[in-house]
Amino acid sequence: MKDKQSRYASSSWFLKTCLVLGLLFLYLPLIILIVYSFNDSKLVTVWGGFTTKWYSELLHNEVILNAAWLSLKIAIVSSASAVILGVLAGYALERIKFFKGSTLFAGMVNAPMMMPEVISGLSMLMLIFQTQILIQTIGFESFRFERGFFTIWLAHTTMIMAYVTVIIRARLSELDDSLEEAAMDLGARPLKIFFVITLPMILPAIVSGFVLGFTLSFDDLVIATFVSGPDSVTLPQIIFSKIRRGLDPQMNVLATIMLVVVGTLVIGGNYLLMKKQVKNSGY
């Protein structure tokens, strides 16, 4: 008995050590970033005292604020569009399992996830140019396809849709078809069954797909670089361009604000989820 307890104690210390090391590896760079966002020195690698002046300068930096607002709008619209298309694609793939061209359709839907972002961005850029040439050939010679909000939205929606489709399809595969079949036996039409029964059951997957899509769009740099124009620069592009010219204290502040916002959302979401699970379990 004592040998078993000693082995359990040693194993417990080993697991705790692994956990601490893992957390340090993940969060130590973030902690350093947050600390140096209050650094008084312009040299971000040298501590010059405590200050909050970089936060004030960031809040008055119109270039960064405009880029953040543009990225936020694109992320919301792209995620919403991708959720609508992803739900339709995932529902079709799961409910109509075998149809002519189903394998090709599934492969085309999943392809953007496995394709390098450089290729995806280049292909979207070529699509824009070819569409412009086609419209001009038809007779609209003065037409110009300006790269900006619309082109970034189109590229991000295409990228995010693949992830949403996989999430929705996985959720649908876990559902019991008996409820839908019972509703059909009672005379309900397929459209009503989808909105009244299926949609509420896959709502958590839809929310997860939207959150994932928002993150992918808001953080994207490579694809946006190909399809954005001079008047539509996203926040990741601004950060990357400033970092290339040297470390900027305001970038530490911007990263800290983003970490706090994302961390608050994640912790709040997990708290509500755990609270709901505890309530459902009856404890």
C-alpha atoms as a PDB file:
ATOM      1  CA  MET A   1       0.000   0.000   0.000  1.00  0.00           C
ATOM      2  CA  LYS A   2       2.802   2.389   0.885  1.00  0.00           C
ATOM      3  CA  ASP A   3       4.616   1.530  -2.351  1.00  0.00           C
ATOM      4  CA  LYS A   4       1.460   2.316  -4.301  1.00  0.00           C
ATOM      5  CA  GLN A   5       1.044   5.646  -2.518  1.00  0.00           C
ATOM      6  CA  SER A   6       4.702   6.553  -3.098  1.00  0.00           C
ATOM      7  CA  ARG A   7       4.392   5.738  -6.795  1.00  0.00           C
ATOM      8  CA  TYR A   8       1.235   7.836  -7.023  1.00  0.00           C
ATOM      9  CA  ALA A   9       2.958  10.741  -5.229  1.00  0.00           C
ATOM     10  CA  SER A  10       5.979  10.619  -7.553  1.00  0.00           C
ATOM     11  CA  SER A  11       3.697  10.392 -10.555  1.00  0.00           C
ATOM     12  CA  SER A  12       1.685  13.341  -9.257  1.00  0.00           C
ATOM     13  CA  TRP A  13       4.800  15.495  -8.888  1.00  0.00           C
ATOM     14  CA  PHE A  14       5.909  14.496 -12.378  1.00  0.00           C
ATOM     15  CA  LEU A  15       2.539  15.495 -13.859  1.00  0.00           C
ATOM     16  CA  LYS A  16       2.556  18.785 -11.959  1.00  0.00           C
ATOM     17  CA  THR A  17       6.066  19.555 -13.209  1.00  0.00           C
ATOM     18  CA  CYS A  18       5.038  18.805 -16.791  1.00  0.00           C
ATOM     19  CA  LEU A  19       1.999  21.061 -16.387  1.00  0.00           C
ATOM     20  CA  VAL A  20       4.048  23.954 -14.987  1.00  0.00           C
ATOM     21  CA  LEU A  21       6.676  23.654 -17.716  1.00  0.00           C
ATOM     22  CA  GLY A  22       4.010  23.511 -20.377  1.00  0.00           C
ATOM     23  CA  LEU A  23       2.257  26.604 -19.010  1.00  0.00           C
ATOM     24  CA  LEU A  24       5.555  28.486 -18.784  1.00  0.00           C
ATOM     25  CA  PHE A  25       6.396  27.575 -22.367  1.00  0.00           C
ATOM     26  CA  LEU A  26       3.015  28.849 -23.552  1.00  0.00           C
ATOM     27  CA  TYR A  27       2.504  31.928 -21.407  1.00  0.00           C
ATOM     28  CA  LEU A  28       5.950  33.241 -20.430  1.00  0.00           C
ATOM     29  CA  PRO A  29       6.408  35.116 -23.766  1.00  0.00           C
ATOM     30  CA  LEU A  30       2.938  36.629 -23.331  1.00  0.00           C
ATOM     31  CA  ILE A  31       3.702  37.720 -19.779  1.00  0.00           C
ATOM     32  CA  ILE A  32       6.932  39.394 -20.942  1.00  0.00           C
ATOM     33  CA  LEU A  33       4.982  41.119 -23.719  1.00  0.00           C
ATOM     34  CA  ILE A  34       2.427  42.488 -21.265  1.00  0.00           C
ATOM     35  CA  VAL A  35       5.089  43.691 -18.831  1.00  0.00           C
ATOM     36  CA  TYR A  36       7.037  45.531 -21.531  1.00  0.00           C
ATOM     37  CA  SER A  37       3.883  47.251 -22.776  1.00  0.00           C
ATOM     38  CA  PHE A  38       4.333  49.471 -19.685  1.00  0.00           C
ATOM     39  CA  ASN A  39       7.998  50.153 -20.468  1.00  0.00           C
ATOM     40  CA  ASP A  40       8.924  53.846 -20.515  1.00  0.00           C
ATOM     41  CA  SER A  41      11.822  53.320 -22.918  1.00  0.00           C
ATOM     42  CA  LYS A  42      11.412  53.299 -26.719  1.00  0.00           C
ATOM     43  CA  LEU A  43      13.836  50.391 -26.748  1.00  0.00           C
ATOM     44  CA  VAL A  44      11.419  47.576 -26.074  1.00  0.00           C
ATOM     45  CA  THR A  45      14.220  45.263 -24.962  1.00  0.00           C
ATOM     46  CA  VAL A  46      15.509  47.672 -22.258  1.00  0.00           C
ATOM     47  CA  TRP A  47      13.445  48.439 -19.168  1.00  0.00           C
ATOM     48  CA  GLY A  48      13.215  52.173 -18.587  1.00  0.00           C
ATOM     49  CA  GLY A  49      10.583  52.421 -15.904  1.00  0.00           C
ATOM     50  CA  PHE A  50       6.820  52.080 -15.577  1.00  0.00           C
ATOM     51  CA  THR A  51       4.505  54.177 -17.775  1.00  0.00           C
ATOM     52  CA  THR A  52       1.137  54.081 -19.530  1.00  0.00           C
ATOM     53  CA  LYS A  53       1.936  56.703 -22.179  1.00  0.00           C
ATOM     54  CA  TRP A  54       2.076  54.113 -24.994  1.00  0.00           C
ATOM     55  CA  TYR A  55      -1.554  53.202 -24.287  1.00  0.00           C
ATOM     56  CA  SER A  56      -2.554  56.832 -24.693  1.00  0.00           C
ATOM     57  CA  GLU A  57      -0.568  57.176 -27.937  1.00  0.00           C
ATOM     58  CA  LEU A  58      -2.116  54.000 -29.343  1.00  0.00           C
ATOM     59  CA  LEU A  59      -5.645  55.247 -28.657  1.00  0.00           C
ATOM     60  CA  HIS A  60      -4.823  58.393 -30.679  1.00  0.00           C
ATOM     61  CA  ASN A  61      -3.139  56.533 -33.544  1.00  0.00           C
ATOM     62  CA  GLU A  62      -5.679  56.833 -36.375  1.00  0.00           C
ATOM     63  CA  VAL A  63      -3.783  54.498 -38.708  1.00  0.00           C
ATOM     64  CA  ILE A  64      -3.916  51.594 -36.261  1.00  0.00           C
ATOM     65  CA  LEU A  65      -7.501  52.357 -35.190  1.00  0.00           C
ATOM     66  CA  ASN A  66      -8.731  52.472 -38.795  1.00  0.00           C
ATOM     67  CA  ALA A  67      -6.938  49.212 -39.594  1.00  0.00           C
ATOM     68  CA  ALA A  68      -8.411  47.560 -36.491  1.00  0.00           C
ATOM     69  CA  TRP A  69     -11.920  48.736 -37.423  1.00  0.00           C
ATOM     70  CA  LEU A  70     -11.497  47.413 -40.980  1.00  0.00           C
ATOM     71  CA  SER A  71     -10.254  44.028 -39.716  1.00  0.00           C
ATOM     72  CA  LEU A  72     -13.145  43.839 -37.267  1.00  0.00           C
ATOM     73  CA  LYS A  73     -15.753  44.532 -39.964  1.00  0.00           C
ATOM     74  CA  ILE A  74     -14.204  42.059 -42.387  1.00  0.00           C
ATOM     75  CA  ALA A  75     -13.980  39.362 -39.707  1.00  0.00           C
ATOM     76  CA  ILE A  76     -17.637  39.734 -38.705  1.00  0.00           C
ATOM     77  CA  VAL A  77     -19.023  39.829 -42.255  1.00  0.00           C
ATOM     78  CA  SER A  78     -16.750  37.033 -43.509  1.00  0.00           C
ATOM     79  CA  SER A  79     -17.570  34.773 -40.563  1.00  0.00           C
ATOM     80  CA  ALA A  80     -21.310  35.336 -40.959  1.00  0.00           C
ATOM     81  CA  SER A  81     -21.164  34.622 -44.697  1.00  0.00           C
ATOM     82  CA  ALA A  82     -18.994  31.544 -44.192  1.00  0.00           C
ATOM     83  CA  VAL A  83     -21.373  30.204 -41.521  1.00  0.00           C
ATOM     84  CA  ILE A  84     -24.345  30.429 -43.910  1.00  0.00           C
ATOM     85  CA  LEU A  85     -22.488  28.726 -46.751  1.00  0.00           C
ATOM     86  CA  GLY A  86     -20.798  26.223 -44.424  1.00  0.00           C
ATOM     87  CA  VAL A  87     -24.099  25.158 -42.857  1.00  0.00           C
ATOM     88  CA  LEU A  88     -25.599  24.545 -46.308  1.00  0.00           C
ATOM     89  CA  ALA A  89     -22.545  22.633 -47.518  1.00  0.00           C
ATOM     90  CA  GLY A  90     -22.198  20.568 -44.342  1.00  0.00           C
ATOM     91  CA  TYR A  91     -25.908  19.754 -44.284  1.00  0.00           C
ATOM     92  CA  ALA A  92     -25.843  18.635 -47.918  1.00  0.00           C
ATOM     93  CA  LEU A  93     -22.757  16.460 -47.440  1.00  0.00           C
ATOM     94  CA  GLU A  94     -24.110  14.767 -44.314  1.00  0.00           C
ATOM     95  CA  ARG A  95     -27.753  14.312 -45.232  1.00  0.00           C
ATOM     96  CA  ILE A  96     -27.167  13.412 -48.904  1.00  0.00           C
ATOM     97  CA  LYS A  97     -24.217  11.138 -48.302  1.00  0.00           C
ATOM     98  CA  PHE A  98     -23.945   9.636 -51.783  1.00  0.00           C
ATOM     99  CA  PHE A  99     -24.692  11.569 -54.931  1.00  0.00           C
ATOM    100  CA  LYS A 100     -22.990  12.022 -58.249  1.00  0.00           C
ATOM    101  CA  GLY A 101     -19.839  14.027 -57.624  1.00  0.00           C
ATOM    102  CA  SER A 102     -20.092  13.857 -53.812  1.00  0.00           C
ATOM    103  CA  THR A 103     -16.420  12.897 -53.434  1.00  0.00           C
ATOM    104  CA  LEU A 104     -15.304  15.739 -55.685  1.00  0.00           C
ATOM    105  CA  PHE A 105     -17.568  18.200 -53.875  1.00  0.00           C
ATOM    106  CA  ALA A 106     -16.251  17.165 -50.463  1.00  0.00           C
ATOM    107  CA  GLY A 107     -12.666  17.436 -51.690  1.00  0.00           C
ATOM    108  CA  MET A 108     -13.258  20.901 -53.153  1.00  0.00           C
ATOM    109  CA  VAL A 109     -14.851  22.084 -49.900  1.00  0.00           C
ATOM    110  CA  ASN A 110     -11.949  20.805 -47.769  1.00  0.00           C
ATOM    111  CA  ALA A 111      -9.192  21.897 -50.170  1.00  0.00           C
ATOM    112  CA  PRO A 112      -8.767  25.468 -48.773  1.00  0.00           C
ATOM    113  CA  MET A 113      -7.826  24.033 -45.349  1.00  0.00           C
ATOM    114  CA  MET A 114      -4.930  22.011 -46.763  1.00  0.00           C
ATOM    115  CA  MET A 115      -3.807  24.538 -49.356  1.00  0.00           C
ATOM    116  CA  PRO A 116      -0.978  26.948 -48.429  1.00  0.00           C
ATOM    117  CA  GLU A 117      -2.226  30.480 -47.870  1.00  0.00           C
ATOM    118  CA  VAL A 118       0.198  31.818 -50.477  1.00  0.00           C
ATOM    119  CA  ILE A 119      -1.476  29.697 -53.155  1.00  0.00           C
ATOM    120  CA  SER A 120      -4.946  30.653 -51.915  1.00  0.00           C
ATOM    121  CA  GLY A 121      -4.091  34.351 -52.006  1.00  0.00           C
ATOM    122  CA  LEU A 122      -2.522  34.103 -55.444  1.00  0.00           C
ATOM    123  CA  SER A 123      -5.505  32.185 -56.829  1.00  0.00           C
ATOM    124  CA  MET A 124      -7.941  34.792 -55.476  1.00  0.00           C
ATOM    125  CA  LEU A 125      -5.852  37.559 -57.014  1.00  0.00           C
ATOM    126  CA  MET A 126      -5.896  35.791 -60.382  1.00  0.00           C
ATOM    127  CA  LEU A 127      -9.678  35.363 -60.080  1.00  0.00           C
ATOM    128  CA  ILE A 128     -10.077  39.091 -59.534  1.00  0.00           C
ATOM    129  CA  PHE A 129      -7.947  39.940 -62.574  1.00  0.00           C
ATOM    130  CA  GLN A 130      -9.693  37.397 -64.816  1.00  0.00           C
ATOM    131  CA  THR A 131     -13.131  38.616 -63.715  1.00  0.00           C
ATOM    132  CA  GLN A 132     -12.153  42.178 -64.533  1.00  0.00           C
ATOM    133  CA  ILE A 133     -10.867  41.155 -67.981  1.00  0.00           C
ATOM    134  CA  LEU A 134     -14.047  39.156 -68.670  1.00  0.00           C
ATOM    135  CA  ILE A 135     -16.321  42.067 -67.744  1.00  0.00           C
ATOM    136  CA  GLN A 136     -14.279  44.447 -69.885  1.00  0.00           C
ATOM    137  CA  THR A 137     -14.449  41.995 -72.799  1.00  0.00           C
ATOM    138  CA  ILE A 138     -18.240  41.882 -72.577  1.00  0.00           C
ATOM    139  CA  GLY A 139     -18.382  45.614 -73.204  1.00  0.00           C
ATOM    140  CA  PHE A 140     -17.787  47.417 -69.920  1.00  0.00           C
ATOM    141  CA  GLU A 141     -14.346  48.722 -70.835  1.00  0.00           C
ATOM    142  CA  SER A 142     -14.268  51.311 -68.051  1.00  0.00           C
ATOM    143  CA  PHE A 143     -14.872  48.704 -65.337  1.00  0.00           C
ATOM    144  CA  ARG A 144     -12.148  48.391 -62.713  1.00  0.00           C
ATOM    145  CA  PHE A 145     -12.208  45.780 -59.962  1.00  0.00           C
ATOM    146  CA  GLU A 146     -10.763  47.761 -57.067  1.00  0.00           C
ATOM    147  CA  ARG A 147      -9.106  45.652 -54.395  1.00  0.00           C
ATOM    148  CA  GLY A 148     -10.437  46.466 -50.968  1.00  0.00           C
ATOM    149  CA  PHE A 149     -13.132  45.424 -48.526  1.00  0.00           C
ATOM    150  CA  PHE A 150     -15.054  43.309 -51.042  1.00  0.00           C
ATOM    151  CA  THR A 151     -12.053  41.341 -52.292  1.00  0.00           C
ATOM    152  CA  ILE A 152     -10.780  40.640 -48.762  1.00  0.00           C
ATOM    153  CA  TRP A 153     -14.273  39.555 -47.725  1.00  0.00           C
ATOM    154  CA  LEU A 154     -14.515  37.214 -50.696  1.00  0.00           C
ATOM    155  CA  ALA A 155     -11.132  35.608 -49.988  1.00  0.00           C
ATOM    156  CA  HIS A 156     -11.735  35.226 -46.247  1.00  0.00           C
ATOM    157  CA  THR A 157     -15.210  33.776 -46.757  1.00  0.00           C
ATOM    158  CA  THR A 158     -13.789  31.148 -49.102  1.00  0.00           C
ATOM    159  CA  MET A 159     -11.116  30.222 -46.572  1.00  0.00           C
ATOM    160  CA  ILE A 160     -13.395  30.134 -43.514  1.00  0.00           C
ATOM    161  CA  MET A 161     -16.195  28.216 -45.216  1.00  0.00           C
ATOM    162  CA  ALA A 162     -14.071  25.062 -45.350  1.00  0.00           C
ATOM    163  CA  TYR A 163     -13.552  25.046 -41.570  1.00  0.00           C
ATOM    164  CA  VAL A 164     -17.212  25.756 -40.836  1.00  0.00           C
ATOM    165  CA  THR A 165     -18.325  22.962 -43.176  1.00  0.00           C
ATOM    166  CA  VAL A 166     -16.171  20.412 -41.347  1.00  0.00           C
ATOM    167  CA  ILE A 167     -17.478  21.541 -37.932  1.00  0.00           C
ATOM    168  CA  ILE A 168     -21.127  21.453 -39.025  1.00  0.00           C
ATOM    169  CA  ARG A 169     -20.757  18.099 -40.757  1.00  0.00           C
ATOM    170  CA  ALA A 170     -19.122  16.576 -37.672  1.00  0.00           C
ATOM    171  CA  ARG A 171     -21.929  17.869 -35.463  1.00  0.00           C
ATOM    172  CA  LEU A 172     -24.635  16.560 -37.813  1.00  0.00           C
ATOM    173  CA  SER A 173     -23.035  13.121 -37.872  1.00  0.00           C
ATOM    174  CA  GLU A 174     -23.500  12.876 -34.079  1.00  0.00           C
ATOM    175  CA  LEU A 175     -27.207  13.763 -34.120  1.00  0.00           C
ATOM    176  CA  ASP A 176     -29.978  11.203 -33.952  1.00  0.00           C
ATOM    177  CA  ASP A 177     -32.099  11.236 -37.113  1.00  0.00           C
ATOM    178  CA  SER A 178     -35.153   9.917 -35.251  1.00  0.00           C
ATOM    179  CA  LEU A 179     -36.409  13.414 -34.385  1.00  0.00           C
ATOM    180  CA  GLU A 180     -36.309  14.534 -37.991  1.00  0.00           C
ATOM    181  CA  GLU A 181     -37.920  11.291 -39.150  1.00  0.00           C
ATOM    182  CA  ALA A 182     -40.693  11.643 -36.555  1.00  0.00           C
ATOM    183  CA  ALA A 183     -41.371  15.201 -37.718  1.00  0.00           C
ATOM    184  CA  MET A 184     -41.572  14.001 -41.317  1.00  0.00           C
ATOM    185  CA  ASP A 185     -44.036  11.282 -40.310  1.00  0.00           C
ATOM    186  CA  LEU A 186     -46.197  13.956 -38.680  1.00  0.00           C
ATOM    187  CA  GLY A 187     -46.283  15.915 -41.930  1.00  0.00           C
ATOM    188  CA  ALA A 188     -43.639  18.579 -41.353  1.00  0.00           C
ATOM    189  CA  ARG A 189     -41.909  19.881 -44.457  1.00  0.00           C
ATOM    190  CA  PRO A 190     -38.100  19.628 -44.843  1.00  0.00           C
ATOM    191  CA  LEU A 191     -37.605  23.385 -44.555  1.00  0.00           C
ATOM    192  CA  LYS A 192     -39.595  23.553 -41.309  1.00  0.00           C
ATOM    193  CA  ILE A 193     -37.738  20.526 -39.944  1.00  0.00           C
ATOM    194  CA  PHE A 194     -34.427  22.228 -40.638  1.00  0.00           C
ATOM    195  CA  PHE A 195     -35.295  25.514 -38.897  1.00  0.00           C
ATOM    196  CA  VAL A 196     -37.310  24.078 -35.998  1.00  0.00           C
ATOM    197  CA  ILE A 197     -35.365  20.893 -35.172  1.00  0.00           C
ATOM    198  CA  THR A 198     -31.986  20.663 -36.908  1.00  0.00           C
ATOM    199  CA  LEU A 199     -30.833  24.270 -36.605  1.00  0.00           C
ATOM    200  CA  PRO A 200     -31.292  24.547 -32.804  1.00  0.00           C
ATOM    201  CA  MET A 201     -29.421  21.278 -32.294  1.00  0.00           C
ATOM    202  CA  ILE A 202     -26.410  22.411 -34.332  1.00  0.00           C
ATOM    203  CA  LEU A 203     -26.415  25.932 -32.889  1.00  0.00           C
ATOM    204  CA  PRO A 204     -23.330  25.313 -30.646  1.00  0.00           C
ATOM    205  CA  ALA A 205     -21.410  24.137 -33.718  1.00  0.00           C
ATOM    206  CA  ILE A 206     -22.525  27.239 -35.621  1.00  0.00           C
ATOM    207  CA  VAL A 207     -21.301  29.486 -32.807  1.00  0.00           C
ATOM    208  CA  SER A 208     -17.989  27.595 -32.702  1.00  0.00           C
ATOM    209  CA  GLY A 209     -17.600  27.964 -36.459  1.00  0.00           C
ATOM    210  CA  PHE A 210     -18.322  31.684 -36.263  1.00  0.00           C
ATOM    211  CA  VAL A 211     -15.769  32.216 -33.484  1.00  0.00           C
ATOM    212  CA  LEU A 212     -13.138  30.181 -35.320  1.00  0.00           C
ATOM    213  CA  GLY A 213     -13.853  32.040 -38.557  1.00  0.00           C
ATOM    214  CA  PHE A 214     -13.634  35.404 -36.805  1.00  0.00           C
ATOM    215  CA  THR A 215     -10.226  34.462 -35.386  1.00  0.00           C
ATOM    216  CA  LEU A 216      -8.908  33.224 -38.737  1.00  0.00           C
ATOM    217  CA  SER A 217     -10.076  36.334 -40.570  1.00  0.00           C
ATOM    218  CA  PHE A 218      -8.924  38.832 -37.939  1.00  0.00           C
ATOM    219  CA  ASP A 219      -5.445  37.248 -37.758  1.00  0.00           C
ATOM    220  CA  ASP A 220      -4.931  36.671 -41.482  1.00  0.00           C
ATOM    221  CA  LEU A 221      -1.930  38.340 -43.105  1.00  0.00           C
ATOM    222  CA  VAL A 222      -0.888  36.329 -46.171  1.00  0.00           C
ATOM    223  CA  ILE A 223      -4.186  36.207 -48.073  1.00  0.00           C
ATOM    224  CA  ALA A 224      -5.056  39.812 -47.186  1.00  0.00           C
ATOM    225  CA  THR A 225      -1.697  40.937 -48.576  1.00  0.00           C
ATOM    226  CA  PHE A 226      -2.651  39.584 -52.007  1.00  0.00           C
ATOM    227  CA  VAL A 227      -6.213  40.901 -52.228  1.00  0.00           C
ATOM    228  CA  SER A 228      -6.075  44.186 -50.293  1.00  0.00           C
ATOM    229  CA  GLY A 229      -5.592  47.604 -51.845  1.00  0.00           C
ATOM    230  CA  PRO A 230      -3.707  50.731 -50.802  1.00  0.00           C
ATOM    231  CA  ASP A 231      -6.783  52.136 -49.033  1.00  0.00           C
ATOM    232  CA  SER A 232      -7.724  48.905 -47.255  1.00  0.00           C
ATOM    233  CA  VAL A 233      -4.883  47.831 -44.988  1.00  0.00           C
ATOM    234  CA  THR A 234      -5.795  45.376 -42.253  1.00  0.00           C
ATOM    235  CA  LEU A 235      -4.443  45.337 -38.708  1.00  0.00           C
ATOM    236  CA  PRO A 236      -2.080  42.339 -39.215  1.00  0.00           C
ATOM    237  CA  GLN A 237      -0.574  44.142 -42.218  1.00  0.00           C
ATOM    238  CA  ILE A 238       0.025  47.267 -40.123  1.00  0.00           C
ATOM    239  CA  ILE A 239       1.653  45.226 -37.350  1.00  0.00           C
ATOM    240  CA  PHE A 240       3.864  43.320 -39.784  1.00  0.00           C
ATOM    241  CA  SER A 241       4.998  46.474 -41.578  1.00  0.00           C
ATOM    242  CA  LYS A 242       5.898  48.208 -38.307  1.00  0.00           C
ATOM    243  CA  ILE A 243       7.727  45.171 -36.937  1.00  0.00           C
ATOM    244  CA  ARG A 244       9.842  44.988 -40.098  1.00  0.00           C
ATOM    245  CA  ARG A 245      11.109  48.513 -39.426  1.00  0.00           C
ATOM    246  CA  GLY A 246      11.931  47.682 -35.815  1.00  0.00           C
ATOM    247  CA  LEU A 247      10.149  46.890 -32.581  1.00  0.00           C
ATOM    248  CA  ASP A 248       7.555  49.512 -31.642  1.00  0.00           C
ATOM    249  CA  PRO A 249       6.285  49.909 -28.034  1.00  0.00           C
ATOM    250  CA  GLN A 250       2.779  50.543 -29.358  1.00  0.00           C
ATOM    251  CA  MET A 251       2.752  47.054 -30.868  1.00  0.00           C
ATOM    252  CA  ASN A 252       3.285  45.643 -27.377  1.00  0.00           C
ATOM    253  CA  VAL A 253       0.317  47.670 -26.182  1.00  0.00           C
ATOM    254  CA  LEU A 254      -1.834  46.536 -29.097  1.00  0.00           C
ATOM    255  CA  ALA A 255      -0.928  42.893 -28.500  1.00  0.00           C
ATOM    256  CA  THR A 256      -1.677  43.276 -24.782  1.00  0.00           C
ATOM    257  CA  ILE A 257      -5.136  44.715 -25.452  1.00  0.00           C
ATOM    258  CA  MET A 258      -5.910  41.899 -27.893  1.00  0.00           C
ATOM    259  CA  LEU A 259      -4.735  39.297 -25.368  1.00  0.00           C
ATOM    260  CA  VAL A 260      -6.913  40.780 -22.627  1.00  0.00           C
ATOM    261  CA  VAL A 261      -9.989  40.911 -24.859  1.00  0.00           C
ATOM    262  CA  VAL A 262      -9.529  37.379 -26.201  1.00  0.00           C
ATOM    263  CA  GLY A 263      -8.658  35.999 -22.773  1.00  0.00           C
ATOM    264  CA  THR A 264     -11.752  37.584 -21.236  1.00  0.00           C
ATOM    265  CA  LEU A 265     -13.989  36.120 -23.935  1.00  0.00           C
ATOM    266  CA  VAL A 266     -12.446  32.661 -23.602  1.00  0.00           C
ATOM    267  CA  ILE A 267     -12.615  32.606 -19.797  1.00  0.00           C
ATOM    268  CA  GLY A 268     -16.167  33.962 -19.831  1.00  0.00           C
ATOM    269  CA  GLY A 269     -17.261  31.406 -22.410  1.00  0.00           C
ATOM    270  CA  ASN A 270     -15.703  28.536 -20.462  1.00  0.00           C
ATOM    271  CA  TYR A 271     -17.314  29.765 -17.240  1.00  0.00           C
ATOM    272  CA  LEU A 272     -20.771  29.890 -18.808  1.00  0.00           C
ATOM    273  CA  LEU A 273     -20.251  26.456 -20.376  1.00  0.00           C
ATOM    274  CA  MET A 274     -19.140  24.890 -17.080  1.00  0.00           C
ATOM    275  CA  LYS A 275     -22.006  26.592 -15.249  1.00  0.00           C
ATOM    276  CA  LYS A 276     -24.464  25.142 -17.743  1.00  0.00           C
ATOM    277  CA  GLN A 277     -22.953  21.666 -17.395  1.00  0.00           C
ATOM    278  CA  VAL A 278     -23.152  21.824 -13.611  1.00  0.00           C
ATOM    279  CA  LYS A 279     -26.778  22.982 -13.829  1.00  0.00           C
ATOM    280  CA  ASN A 280     -27.697  20.148 -16.205  1.00  0.00           C
ATOM    281  CA  SER A 281     -25.952  17.568 -14.014  1.00  0.00           C
ATOM    282  CA  GLY A 282     -28.061  18.627 -11.022  1.00  0.00           C
ATOM    283  CA  TYR A 283     -25.179  19.408  -8.652  1.00  0.00           C
END
